[in-house]
């Protein structure tokens, strides 16, 4: 088999890293969503739930935009 070139390897590594960041963001956002729902429904803390959900989503977006 032919060896992969350096450019192909870098392109693959960039794609792999980007996909890992996307998966991590999605997992963290789903956990944040579930925590917000639990606060709103089970703990009966609706306002705190909304603030945590919106603030956490904005914080995740900013953090992942700055880290990439």
Protein backbone atom coordinates (compact mmCIF):
# COMPACT_ATOMS: atom_id res chain seq x y z
CA UNK A 1 0.00 0.00 0.00
CA UNK A 2 1.11 3.50 -0.69
CA UNK A 3 2.05 5.72 2.20
CA UNK A 4 -0.22 8.68 2.93
CA UNK A 5 1.33 12.01 2.17
CA UNK A 6 2.00 14.60 4.82
CA UNK A 7 -0.76 16.89 3.49
CA UNK A 8 -3.33 14.09 3.57
CA UNK A 9 -2.35 13.20 7.11
CA UNK A 10 -2.70 16.82 8.27
CA UNK A 11 -6.09 17.11 6.56
CA UNK A 12 -7.26 13.91 8.22
CA UNK A 13 -5.96 15.06 11.61
CA UNK A 14 -7.74 18.42 11.26
CA UNK A 15 -10.99 16.68 10.39
CA UNK A 16 -10.62 14.26 13.29
CA UNK A 17 -9.92 17.09 15.75
CA UNK A 18 -12.87 19.14 14.49
CA UNK A 19 -15.20 16.17 14.78
CA UNK A 20 -14.01 15.49 18.35
CA UNK A 21 -14.71 19.12 19.30
CA UNK A 22 -18.19 18.90 17.78
CA UNK A 23 -18.98 15.69 19.67
CA UNK A 24 -17.67 17.17 22.94
CA UNK A 25 -19.75 20.32 22.45
CA UNK A 26 -22.86 18.25 21.74
CA UNK A 27 -22.39 16.04 24.81
CA UNK A 28 -21.80 19.04 27.08
CA UNK A 29 -24.81 20.87 25.66
CA UNK A 30 -27.10 17.84 26.14
CA UNK A 31 -25.91 17.51 29.76
CA UNK A 32 -26.58 21.22 30.29
CA UNK A 33 -30.03 20.82 28.78
CA UNK A 34 -30.86 17.86 31.02
CA UNK A 35 -29.66 19.70 34.13
CA UNK A 36 -31.75 22.73 33.20
CA UNK A 37 -34.80 20.56 32.64
CA UNK A 38 -34.28 18.79 35.96
CA UNK A 39 -34.02 22.12 37.78
CA UNK A 40 -37.16 23.40 36.11
CA UNK A 41 -39.31 20.31 36.45
CA UNK A 42 -38.12 18.46 39.54
CA UNK A 43 -36.65 21.21 41.72
CA UNK A 44 -39.36 23.69 40.69
CA UNK A 45 -36.76 26.41 40.07
CA UNK A 46 -37.93 27.71 36.71
CA UNK A 47 -36.12 31.04 36.61
CA UNK A 48 -32.80 29.51 37.67
CA UNK A 49 -33.30 26.83 35.06
CA UNK A 50 -33.78 29.36 32.27
CA UNK A 51 -30.82 31.46 33.39
CA UNK A 52 -28.58 28.39 33.61
CA UNK A 53 -29.75 27.09 30.23
CA UNK A 54 -29.31 30.33 28.33
CA UNK A 55 -26.15 31.40 30.15
CA UNK A 56 -24.60 27.98 29.87
CA UNK A 57 -25.35 27.75 26.16
CA UNK A 58 -23.78 31.16 25.55
CA UNK A 59 -20.76 30.19 27.68
CA UNK A 60 -20.32 26.95 25.73
CA UNK A 61 -20.54 28.75 22.40
CA UNK A 62 -18.02 31.39 23.45
CA UNK A 63 -15.64 28.83 24.95
CA UNK A 64 -15.65 26.60 21.89
CA UNK A 65 -15.34 29.59 19.54
CA UNK A 66 -12.31 30.87 21.43
CA UNK A 67 -10.65 27.46 21.80
CA UNK A 68 -10.82 26.67 18.11
